[in-house]
Amino acid sequence: MNRLALLALASGLIACGGGTKTDTAASANPCGDNPCGDNPCGDNPCGGDAVETGVDWTSWQSWTQINSKAFVSKGHKKPWVNVYVLPEHAEAYKKGGEMPQGMAVVKSIHEEVEGVAGDVKTLTVMAKMGPDYDPENGNWYYAVISADGSEIKSEGKMEACLNCHGTGDDYLFASQVVGH
């Protein structure tokens, strides 16, 4: 690599605080034209600093589906949805109450096709973080992710998510989902 290329790379890493890795499969330039997604830079206009959740969102289709069939969500602009959790947390989700650290939830948002759920168009996700992440809001991380789980479109302590989920049981609506 030539000296100019190394200088450009070093400048980019310094500007972004070292190039923190996020948990997506995509490897987009975090400080380039896309200010969202994999942006580890401090002033992310798409929801705050990038957060390492430790969750492989790309594997969501192998998780435990909580509902028996797609249903129309009361939030998220009322789309057809399915809810998935990591297999080790399925019973905790079904039981309700305080969720364990590491709990991850995926709500697949589907296109509507002739009154039923069609293809997945995006994912909304939550992960229960450590006790110092956001104690005033249950330490939940929120994100909107591409349908395959590889691209984070927005993430963090998202007001739109907090405003609604703050009314749920530990920020979830498990009892409403389990019945579907």
N, C-alpha and C. Protein backbone atom coordinates (compact mmCIF):
# COMPACT_ATOMS: atom_id res chain seq x y z
N MET A 1 0.86 -1.17 0.00
CA MET A 1 0.00 0.00 0.00
C MET A 1 0.90 1.22 0.00
N ASN A 2 0.57 2.20 -0.82
CA ASN A 2 1.44 3.37 -0.89
C ASN A 2 1.21 4.29 0.31
N ARG A 3 2.11 5.19 0.49
CA ARG A 3 2.10 6.08 1.66
C ARG A 3 0.85 6.96 1.71
N LEU A 4 0.39 7.45 0.56
CA LEU A 4 -0.80 8.28 0.51
C LEU A 4 -2.05 7.49 0.94
N ALA A 5 -2.14 6.23 0.50
CA ALA A 5 -3.28 5.39 0.87
C ALA A 5 -3.27 5.11 2.37
N LEU A 6 -2.09 4.85 2.95
CA LEU A 6 -1.99 4.62 4.39
C LEU A 6 -2.40 5.86 5.17
N LEU A 7 -1.98 7.03 4.70
CA LEU A 7 -2.33 8.28 5.36
C LEU A 7 -3.85 8.49 5.33
N ALA A 8 -4.48 8.21 4.20
CA ALA A 8 -5.93 8.35 4.07
C ALA A 8 -6.66 7.39 5.01
N LEU A 9 -6.18 6.15 5.09
CA LEU A 9 -6.78 5.16 5.97
C LEU A 9 -6.65 5.58 7.42
N ALA A 10 -5.48 6.02 7.82
CA ALA A 10 -5.24 6.46 9.20
C ALA A 10 -6.13 7.64 9.54
N SER A 11 -6.28 8.59 8.63
CA SER A 11 -7.13 9.76 8.88
C SER A 11 -8.57 9.34 9.09
N GLY A 12 -9.05 8.40 8.28
CA GLY A 12 -10.41 7.90 8.43
C GLY A 12 -10.64 7.22 9.76
N LEU A 13 -9.69 6.42 10.20
CA LEU A 13 -9.83 5.73 11.48
C LEU A 13 -9.79 6.70 12.65
N ILE A 14 -8.94 7.69 12.57
CA ILE A 14 -8.87 8.68 13.64
C ILE A 14 -10.18 9.46 13.71
N ALA A 15 -10.72 9.86 12.57
CA ALA A 15 -11.97 10.62 12.54
C ALA A 15 -13.12 9.84 13.13
N CYS A 16 -13.07 8.54 13.05
CA CYS A 16 -14.17 7.70 13.55
C CYS A 16 -13.85 7.06 14.88
N GLY A 17 -12.84 7.49 15.54
CA GLY A 17 -12.54 6.93 16.85
C GLY A 17 -12.02 5.51 16.79
N GLY A 18 -11.35 5.13 15.72
CA GLY A 18 -10.71 3.83 15.67
C GLY A 18 -11.42 2.81 14.82
N GLY A 19 -12.56 3.13 14.26
CA GLY A 19 -13.22 2.19 13.35
C GLY A 19 -13.86 1.03 14.07
N THR A 20 -14.65 1.27 15.12
CA THR A 20 -15.32 0.24 15.87
C THR A 20 -16.14 -0.66 14.96
N LYS A 21 -16.05 -1.97 15.14
CA LYS A 21 -16.79 -2.94 14.33
C LYS A 21 -18.20 -3.07 14.88
N THR A 22 -19.19 -3.12 13.99
CA THR A 22 -20.55 -3.39 14.42
C THR A 22 -20.89 -4.83 14.11
N ASP A 23 -22.10 -5.26 14.47
CA ASP A 23 -22.47 -6.65 14.34
C ASP A 23 -23.24 -6.93 13.06
N THR A 24 -22.90 -6.30 11.97
CA THR A 24 -23.56 -6.59 10.71
C THR A 24 -22.64 -7.34 9.80
N ALA A 25 -23.22 -8.01 8.82
CA ALA A 25 -22.41 -8.73 7.85
C ALA A 25 -21.88 -7.79 6.78
N ALA A 26 -22.53 -6.62 6.63
CA ALA A 26 -22.09 -5.67 5.62
C ALA A 26 -20.79 -5.01 6.06
N SER A 27 -19.97 -4.61 5.10
CA SER A 27 -18.72 -3.95 5.44
C SER A 27 -18.63 -2.61 4.72
N ALA A 28 -19.70 -1.84 4.81
CA ALA A 28 -19.74 -0.52 4.16
C ALA A 28 -18.74 0.41 4.81
N ASN A 29 -18.30 1.42 4.07
CA ASN A 29 -17.40 2.43 4.62
C ASN A 29 -18.14 3.17 5.72
N PRO A 30 -17.74 3.04 6.98
CA PRO A 30 -18.49 3.61 8.07
C PRO A 30 -18.47 5.13 8.12
N CYS A 31 -17.55 5.78 7.47
CA CYS A 31 -17.50 7.24 7.54
C CYS A 31 -17.68 7.87 6.17
N GLY A 32 -18.10 7.08 5.21
CA GLY A 32 -18.22 7.57 3.84
C GLY A 32 -19.55 8.25 3.60
N ASP A 33 -20.13 7.97 2.46
CA ASP A 33 -21.35 8.64 2.05
C ASP A 33 -22.58 8.22 2.86
N ASN A 34 -22.54 7.06 3.47
CA ASN A 34 -23.68 6.56 4.23
C ASN A 34 -23.49 6.89 5.70
N PRO A 35 -24.19 7.88 6.23
CA PRO A 35 -24.01 8.24 7.64
C PRO A 35 -24.73 7.27 8.57
N CYS A 36 -25.54 6.38 8.04
CA CYS A 36 -26.27 5.43 8.88
C CYS A 36 -25.56 4.08 8.85
N GLY A 37 -26.29 3.03 9.06
CA GLY A 37 -25.73 1.69 8.93
C GLY A 37 -24.58 1.43 9.87
N ASP A 38 -23.44 1.16 9.30
CA ASP A 38 -22.27 0.75 10.08
C ASP A 38 -21.48 1.93 10.62
N ASN A 39 -22.11 3.03 10.90
CA ASN A 39 -21.38 4.24 11.28
C ASN A 39 -20.93 4.20 12.73
N PRO A 40 -19.63 4.04 12.99
CA PRO A 40 -19.14 4.08 14.35
C PRO A 40 -18.76 5.49 14.78
N CYS A 41 -18.96 6.48 13.94
CA CYS A 41 -18.60 7.85 14.27
C CYS A 41 -19.54 8.39 15.34
N GLY A 42 -19.06 9.35 16.10
CA GLY A 42 -19.78 9.86 17.25
C GLY A 42 -21.12 10.51 16.96
N ASP A 43 -21.24 11.31 15.93
CA ASP A 43 -22.47 12.04 15.69
C ASP A 43 -23.30 11.38 14.60
N ASN A 44 -23.74 10.17 14.85
CA ASN A 44 -24.55 9.43 13.90
C ASN A 44 -25.96 10.02 13.88
N PRO A 45 -26.36 10.65 12.78
CA PRO A 45 -27.68 11.25 12.72
C PRO A 45 -28.81 10.22 12.65
N CYS A 46 -28.47 8.97 12.61
CA CYS A 46 -29.48 7.92 12.44
C CYS A 46 -29.76 7.16 13.72
N GLY A 47 -29.46 7.72 14.87
CA GLY A 47 -29.85 7.04 16.09
C GLY A 47 -28.76 6.94 17.14
N GLY A 48 -27.65 7.61 17.00
CA GLY A 48 -26.61 7.59 18.01
C GLY A 48 -25.41 6.79 17.59
N ASP A 49 -24.51 6.57 18.53
CA ASP A 49 -23.29 5.83 18.24
C ASP A 49 -23.62 4.38 17.91
N ALA A 50 -22.80 3.78 17.04
CA ALA A 50 -22.97 2.36 16.73
C ALA A 50 -22.77 1.57 18.01
N VAL A 51 -23.54 0.51 18.16
CA VAL A 51 -23.51 -0.28 19.39
C VAL A 51 -23.21 -1.72 19.04
N GLU A 52 -22.28 -2.32 19.76
CA GLU A 52 -21.98 -3.74 19.59
C GLU A 52 -22.92 -4.53 20.50
N THR A 53 -23.84 -5.25 19.91
CA THR A 53 -24.81 -6.01 20.69
C THR A 53 -24.36 -7.44 20.96
N GLY A 54 -23.47 -7.95 20.14
CA GLY A 54 -23.07 -9.34 20.25
C GLY A 54 -24.07 -10.29 19.62
N VAL A 55 -25.09 -9.77 18.94
CA VAL A 55 -26.13 -10.59 18.32
C VAL A 55 -25.87 -10.70 16.82
N ASP A 56 -25.97 -11.93 16.32
CA ASP A 56 -25.87 -12.15 14.87
C ASP A 56 -27.28 -12.05 14.30
N TRP A 57 -27.64 -10.85 13.87
CA TRP A 57 -28.99 -10.61 13.35
C TRP A 57 -29.24 -11.37 12.06
N THR A 58 -28.19 -11.76 11.33
CA THR A 58 -28.38 -12.47 10.06
C THR A 58 -28.94 -13.88 10.27
N SER A 59 -28.89 -14.39 11.49
CA SER A 59 -29.38 -15.75 11.76
C SER A 59 -30.83 -15.78 12.26
N TRP A 60 -31.52 -14.66 12.20
CA TRP A 60 -32.84 -14.54 12.82
C TRP A 60 -33.84 -15.60 12.36
N GLN A 61 -33.74 -16.07 11.13
CA GLN A 61 -34.72 -17.05 10.63
C GLN A 61 -34.60 -18.41 11.31
N SER A 62 -33.48 -18.65 11.98
CA SER A 62 -33.31 -19.92 12.70
C SER A 62 -33.75 -19.81 14.16
N TRP A 63 -34.19 -18.64 14.58
CA TRP A 63 -34.63 -18.42 15.96
C TRP A 63 -36.03 -19.00 16.17
N THR A 64 -36.49 -18.99 17.41
CA THR A 64 -37.82 -19.49 17.76
C THR A 64 -38.88 -18.45 17.40
N GLN A 65 -39.84 -18.86 16.57
CA GLN A 65 -40.96 -17.97 16.25
C GLN A 65 -41.95 -18.07 17.39
N ILE A 66 -42.31 -16.94 17.97
CA ILE A 66 -43.19 -16.91 19.13
C ILE A 66 -44.65 -17.05 18.75
N ASN A 67 -45.08 -16.36 17.72
CA ASN A 67 -46.48 -16.43 17.29
C ASN A 67 -46.65 -17.60 16.32
N SER A 68 -47.88 -18.15 16.28
CA SER A 68 -48.11 -19.30 15.40
C SER A 68 -48.34 -18.89 13.95
N LYS A 69 -48.83 -17.67 13.73
CA LYS A 69 -49.02 -17.17 12.37
C LYS A 69 -48.86 -15.65 12.37
N ALA A 70 -48.57 -15.08 11.23
CA ALA A 70 -48.39 -13.63 11.11
C ALA A 70 -49.65 -12.91 11.58
N PHE A 71 -49.45 -11.74 12.19
CA PHE A 71 -50.57 -10.93 12.66
C PHE A 71 -50.29 -9.46 12.36
N VAL A 72 -51.32 -8.65 12.42
CA VAL A 72 -51.17 -7.22 12.17
C VAL A 72 -50.74 -6.56 13.48
N SER A 73 -49.59 -5.91 13.45
CA SER A 73 -49.05 -5.22 14.62
C SER A 73 -49.89 -3.99 14.95
N LYS A 74 -50.01 -3.69 16.23
CA LYS A 74 -50.72 -2.47 16.64
C LYS A 74 -49.84 -1.24 16.45
N GLY A 75 -48.54 -1.44 16.34
CA GLY A 75 -47.60 -0.35 16.12
C GLY A 75 -46.93 -0.52 14.78
N HIS A 76 -45.83 0.16 14.59
CA HIS A 76 -45.04 0.02 13.36
C HIS A 76 -45.86 0.26 12.10
N LYS A 77 -46.81 1.16 12.18
CA LYS A 77 -47.70 1.50 11.05
C LYS A 77 -48.59 0.34 10.63
N LYS A 78 -48.87 -0.56 11.59
CA LYS A 78 -49.82 -1.66 11.44
C LYS A 78 -49.52 -2.64 10.29
N PRO A 79 -48.28 -3.10 10.19
CA PRO A 79 -47.97 -4.10 9.15
C PRO A 79 -48.22 -5.52 9.67
N TRP A 80 -48.13 -6.48 8.77
CA TRP A 80 -48.11 -7.89 9.14
C TRP A 80 -46.74 -8.20 9.72
N VAL A 81 -46.69 -8.95 10.83
CA VAL A 81 -45.42 -9.23 11.49
C VAL A 81 -45.37 -10.66 12.01
N ASN A 82 -44.15 -11.12 12.26
CA ASN A 82 -43.86 -12.32 13.04
C ASN A 82 -42.81 -11.91 14.06
N VAL A 83 -42.79 -12.59 15.21
CA VAL A 83 -41.84 -12.26 16.27
C VAL A 83 -40.97 -13.48 16.56
N TYR A 84 -39.67 -13.25 16.59
CA TYR A 84 -38.68 -14.31 16.83
C TYR A 84 -37.79 -13.91 18.00
N VAL A 85 -37.36 -14.90 18.78
CA VAL A 85 -36.38 -14.69 19.84
C VAL A 85 -35.32 -15.78 19.76
N LEU A 86 -34.18 -15.51 20.36
CA LEU A 86 -33.15 -16.54 20.44
C LEU A 86 -33.75 -17.75 21.16
N PRO A 87 -33.45 -18.97 20.70
CA PRO A 87 -34.06 -20.17 21.30
C PRO A 87 -33.90 -20.24 22.82
N GLU A 88 -32.75 -19.83 23.33
CA GLU A 88 -32.53 -19.92 24.78
C GLU A 88 -33.37 -18.93 25.57
N HIS A 89 -34.04 -17.99 24.90
CA HIS A 89 -34.87 -17.01 25.60
C HIS A 89 -36.36 -17.15 25.30
N ALA A 90 -36.75 -18.18 24.57
CA ALA A 90 -38.16 -18.34 24.20
C ALA A 90 -39.06 -18.47 25.42
N GLU A 91 -38.68 -19.28 26.38
CA GLU A 91 -39.52 -19.48 27.57
C GLU A 91 -39.63 -18.20 28.39
N ALA A 92 -38.53 -17.47 28.52
CA ALA A 92 -38.57 -16.20 29.26
C ALA A 92 -39.51 -15.22 28.58
N TYR A 93 -39.47 -15.15 27.27
CA TYR A 93 -40.35 -14.25 26.52
C TYR A 93 -41.81 -14.64 26.76
N LYS A 94 -42.10 -15.93 26.64
CA LYS A 94 -43.48 -16.40 26.81
C LYS A 94 -43.99 -16.16 28.23
N LYS A 95 -43.10 -16.26 29.21
CA LYS A 95 -43.47 -16.06 30.61
C LYS A 95 -43.72 -14.59 30.91
N GLY A 96 -42.94 -13.70 30.30
CA GLY A 96 -43.07 -12.27 30.56
C GLY A 96 -42.26 -11.86 31.78
N GLY A 97 -42.41 -10.63 32.19
CA GLY A 97 -41.65 -10.10 33.32
C GLY A 97 -40.31 -9.55 32.88
N GLU A 98 -39.38 -9.44 33.81
CA GLU A 98 -38.05 -8.91 33.53
C GLU A 98 -37.28 -9.87 32.63
N MET A 99 -36.76 -9.37 31.52
CA MET A 99 -36.03 -10.20 30.57
C MET A 99 -34.55 -10.24 30.92
N PRO A 100 -33.87 -11.35 30.61
CA PRO A 100 -32.45 -11.48 30.92
C PRO A 100 -31.58 -10.65 29.98
N GLN A 101 -30.45 -10.23 30.50
CA GLN A 101 -29.46 -9.56 29.64
C GLN A 101 -29.09 -10.51 28.52
N GLY A 102 -28.96 -9.99 27.31
CA GLY A 102 -28.65 -10.82 26.16
C GLY A 102 -29.88 -11.22 25.35
N MET A 103 -31.08 -11.02 25.93
CA MET A 103 -32.33 -11.31 25.21
C MET A 103 -32.33 -10.52 23.91
N ALA A 104 -32.68 -11.17 22.82
CA ALA A 104 -32.78 -10.50 21.53
C ALA A 104 -34.11 -10.86 20.89
N VAL A 105 -34.77 -9.86 20.31
CA VAL A 105 -36.09 -10.03 19.71
C VAL A 105 -36.04 -9.44 18.30
N VAL A 106 -36.60 -10.17 17.35
CA VAL A 106 -36.73 -9.69 15.97
C VAL A 106 -38.21 -9.68 15.62
N LYS A 107 -38.68 -8.55 15.10
CA LYS A 107 -40.03 -8.48 14.54
C LYS A 107 -39.84 -8.32 13.04
N SER A 108 -40.23 -9.35 12.28
CA SER A 108 -40.14 -9.26 10.83
C SER A 108 -41.37 -8.50 10.32
N ILE A 109 -41.12 -7.46 9.55
CA ILE A 109 -42.17 -6.62 9.00
C ILE A 109 -42.41 -7.06 7.55
N HIS A 110 -43.62 -7.46 7.25
CA HIS A 110 -43.94 -8.03 5.94
C HIS A 110 -44.74 -7.09 5.06
N GLU A 111 -44.55 -7.22 3.77
CA GLU A 111 -45.42 -6.54 2.81
C GLU A 111 -46.79 -7.19 2.91
N GLU A 112 -47.82 -6.42 2.66
CA GLU A 112 -49.16 -7.01 2.63
C GLU A 112 -49.49 -7.38 1.19
N VAL A 113 -49.89 -8.62 1.00
CA VAL A 113 -50.27 -9.11 -0.32
C VAL A 113 -51.66 -9.71 -0.22
N GLU A 114 -52.63 -9.05 -0.81
CA GLU A 114 -54.01 -9.52 -0.81
C GLU A 114 -54.50 -9.87 0.59
N GLY A 115 -54.22 -8.99 1.56
CA GLY A 115 -54.73 -9.15 2.91
C GLY A 115 -53.97 -10.12 3.79
N VAL A 116 -52.82 -10.61 3.35
CA VAL A 116 -52.01 -11.51 4.17
C VAL A 116 -50.54 -11.08 4.11
N ALA A 117 -49.74 -11.67 4.97
CA ALA A 117 -48.31 -11.34 5.02
C ALA A 117 -47.59 -11.86 3.79
N GLY A 118 -46.84 -10.97 3.15
CA GLY A 118 -46.02 -11.35 2.00
C GLY A 118 -44.56 -11.44 2.43
N ASP A 119 -43.67 -11.03 1.53
CA ASP A 119 -42.23 -11.08 1.80
C ASP A 119 -41.84 -10.13 2.93
N VAL A 120 -40.76 -10.49 3.63
CA VAL A 120 -40.22 -9.62 4.66
C VAL A 120 -39.57 -8.43 3.98
N LYS A 121 -39.93 -7.22 4.44
CA LYS A 121 -39.33 -6.03 3.85
C LYS A 121 -38.30 -5.38 4.77
N THR A 122 -38.42 -5.57 6.08
CA THR A 122 -37.43 -5.03 7.02
C THR A 122 -37.60 -5.73 8.36
N LEU A 123 -36.67 -5.50 9.26
CA LEU A 123 -36.73 -6.05 10.61
C LEU A 123 -36.64 -4.91 11.62
N THR A 124 -37.40 -5.01 12.69
CA THR A 124 -37.17 -4.15 13.84
C THR A 124 -36.68 -5.09 14.93
N VAL A 125 -35.65 -4.68 15.65
CA VAL A 125 -35.03 -5.57 16.62
C VAL A 125 -34.80 -4.87 17.95
N MET A 126 -34.69 -5.69 18.98
CA MET A 126 -34.37 -5.22 20.32
C MET A 126 -33.36 -6.18 20.93
N ALA A 127 -32.46 -5.64 21.75
CA ALA A 127 -31.52 -6.48 22.51
C ALA A 127 -31.40 -5.90 23.91
N LYS A 128 -31.50 -6.76 24.90
CA LYS A 128 -31.36 -6.34 26.30
C LYS A 128 -29.87 -6.24 26.60
N MET A 129 -29.42 -5.02 26.85
CA MET A 129 -28.00 -4.75 27.05
C MET A 129 -27.65 -4.81 28.53
N GLY A 130 -26.39 -4.50 28.82
CA GLY A 130 -25.90 -4.49 30.19
C GLY A 130 -26.54 -3.40 31.03
N PRO A 131 -26.32 -3.43 32.34
CA PRO A 131 -27.02 -2.53 33.26
C PRO A 131 -26.69 -1.05 33.10
N ASP A 132 -25.63 -0.71 32.41
CA ASP A 132 -25.27 0.70 32.24
C ASP A 132 -25.62 1.26 30.87
N TYR A 133 -26.27 0.47 30.01
CA TYR A 133 -26.57 0.93 28.65
C TYR A 133 -27.58 2.08 28.66
N ASP A 134 -28.74 1.87 29.25
CA ASP A 134 -29.79 2.89 29.32
C ASP A 134 -30.76 2.51 30.44
N PRO A 135 -30.31 2.61 31.70
CA PRO A 135 -31.11 2.13 32.82
C PRO A 135 -32.50 2.78 32.92
N GLU A 136 -32.62 4.03 32.48
CA GLU A 136 -33.92 4.71 32.56
C GLU A 136 -34.95 4.09 31.61
N ASN A 137 -34.48 3.32 30.63
CA ASN A 137 -35.38 2.72 29.64
C ASN A 137 -35.17 1.21 29.52
N GLY A 138 -34.89 0.57 30.65
CA GLY A 138 -34.81 -0.88 30.69
C GLY A 138 -33.58 -1.49 30.04
N ASN A 139 -32.61 -0.66 29.62
CA ASN A 139 -31.37 -1.13 28.98
C ASN A 139 -31.61 -1.85 27.67
N TRP A 140 -32.62 -1.42 26.93
CA TRP A 140 -32.93 -2.01 25.63
C TRP A 140 -32.29 -1.22 24.50
N TYR A 141 -31.70 -1.93 23.58
CA TYR A 141 -31.15 -1.40 22.32
C TYR A 141 -32.22 -1.65 21.26
N TYR A 142 -32.41 -0.69 20.36
CA TYR A 142 -33.39 -0.82 19.28
C TYR A 142 -32.69 -0.59 17.94
N ALA A 143 -33.18 -1.25 16.90
CA ALA A 143 -32.63 -1.00 15.56
C ALA A 143 -33.67 -1.38 14.50
N VAL A 144 -33.49 -0.76 13.35
CA VAL A 144 -34.21 -1.13 12.14
C VAL A 144 -33.14 -1.68 11.21
N ILE A 145 -33.36 -2.89 10.72
CA ILE A 145 -32.33 -3.63 9.99
C ILE A 145 -32.92 -4.16 8.68
N SER A 146 -32.08 -4.35 7.70
CA SER A 146 -32.51 -4.93 6.42
C SER A 146 -33.10 -6.32 6.65
N ALA A 147 -33.92 -6.77 5.72
CA ALA A 147 -34.64 -8.05 5.85
C ALA A 147 -33.71 -9.24 6.07
N ASP A 148 -32.51 -9.19 5.53
CA ASP A 148 -31.57 -10.31 5.73
C ASP A 148 -30.72 -10.15 6.99
N GLY A 149 -30.91 -9.05 7.71
CA GLY A 149 -30.18 -8.82 8.96
C GLY A 149 -28.78 -8.29 8.79
N SER A 150 -28.37 -7.96 7.57
CA SER A 150 -26.98 -7.59 7.33
C SER A 150 -26.70 -6.09 7.39
N GLU A 151 -27.72 -5.25 7.31
CA GLU A 151 -27.49 -3.80 7.26
C GLU A 151 -28.34 -3.09 8.30
N ILE A 152 -27.69 -2.39 9.21
CA ILE A 152 -28.40 -1.60 10.20
C ILE A 152 -28.75 -0.26 9.56
N LYS A 153 -30.05 0.03 9.52
CA LYS A 153 -30.52 1.28 8.92
C LYS A 153 -30.57 2.40 9.95
N SER A 154 -30.96 2.10 11.17
CA SER A 154 -30.90 3.03 12.29
C SER A 154 -30.85 2.19 13.57
N GLU A 155 -30.26 2.77 14.61
CA GLU A 155 -30.07 1.98 15.83
C GLU A 155 -29.86 2.86 17.04
N GLY A 156 -29.90 2.23 18.20
CA GLY A 156 -29.56 2.90 19.45
C GLY A 156 -30.75 3.09 20.36
N LYS A 157 -30.73 4.21 21.07
CA LYS A 157 -31.78 4.58 22.01
C LYS A 157 -32.78 5.43 21.23
N MET A 158 -33.57 4.77 20.41
CA MET A 158 -34.45 5.44 19.45
C MET A 158 -35.75 5.90 20.12
N GLU A 159 -36.00 7.22 20.11
CA GLU A 159 -37.17 7.80 20.75
C GLU A 159 -38.48 7.16 20.29
N ALA A 160 -38.62 6.95 18.98
CA ALA A 160 -39.87 6.37 18.46
C ALA A 160 -40.14 5.01 19.10
N CYS A 161 -39.09 4.23 19.31
CA CYS A 161 -39.24 2.91 19.93
C CYS A 161 -39.55 3.05 21.42
N LEU A 162 -38.78 3.90 22.08
CA LEU A 162 -38.94 4.10 23.52
C LEU A 162 -40.34 4.60 23.88
N ASN A 163 -40.87 5.50 23.07
CA ASN A 163 -42.18 6.08 23.36
C ASN A 163 -43.27 5.02 23.43
N CYS A 164 -43.20 4.02 22.60
CA CYS A 164 -44.22 2.97 22.60
C CYS A 164 -43.86 1.82 23.54
N HIS A 165 -42.66 1.32 23.43
CA HIS A 165 -42.26 0.15 24.23
C HIS A 165 -42.19 0.45 25.71
N GLY A 166 -42.10 1.71 26.08
CA GLY A 166 -42.09 2.08 27.49
C GLY A 166 -43.36 1.69 28.22
N THR A 167 -44.42 1.38 27.48
CA THR A 167 -45.69 0.98 28.09
C THR A 167 -45.81 -0.53 28.25
N GLY A 168 -44.88 -1.29 27.70
CA GLY A 168 -44.95 -2.75 27.74
C GLY A 168 -44.34 -3.33 29.00
N ASP A 169 -44.49 -4.64 29.18
CA ASP A 169 -43.91 -5.38 30.29
C ASP A 169 -42.43 -5.57 30.00
N ASP A 170 -41.55 -4.89 30.72
CA ASP A 170 -40.12 -4.80 30.43
C ASP A 170 -39.91 -4.42 28.95
N TYR A 171 -40.69 -3.45 28.51
CA TYR A 171 -40.55 -2.85 27.18
C TYR A 171 -40.95 -3.81 26.05
N LEU A 172 -41.61 -4.90 26.38
CA LEU A 172 -42.07 -5.86 25.38
C LEU A 172 -43.59 -5.99 25.49
N PHE A 173 -44.18 -6.57 24.48
CA PHE A 173 -45.61 -6.84 24.48
C PHE A 173 -45.82 -8.34 24.33
N ALA A 174 -45.07 -9.11 25.14
CA ALA A 174 -45.05 -10.56 25.02
C ALA A 174 -46.42 -11.19 25.15
N SER A 175 -47.21 -10.76 26.12
CA SER A 175 -48.51 -11.39 26.33
C SER A 175 -49.43 -11.20 25.15
N GLN A 176 -49.27 -10.10 24.41
CA GLN A 176 -50.09 -9.86 23.23
C GLN A 176 -49.62 -10.70 22.04
N VAL A 177 -48.33 -10.98 21.98
CA VAL A 177 -47.76 -11.73 20.84
C VAL A 177 -48.02 -13.23 21.00
N VAL A 178 -47.85 -13.74 22.21
CA VAL A 178 -47.97 -15.18 22.45
C VAL A 178 -49.34 -15.70 22.02
N GLY A 179 -50.39 -14.91 22.13
CA GLY A 179 -51.73 -15.34 21.77
C GLY A 179 -51.99 -15.44 20.28
N HIS A 180 -51.06 -15.01 19.46
CA HIS A 180 -51.29 -15.02 18.00
C HIS A 180 -50.79 -16.30 17.38
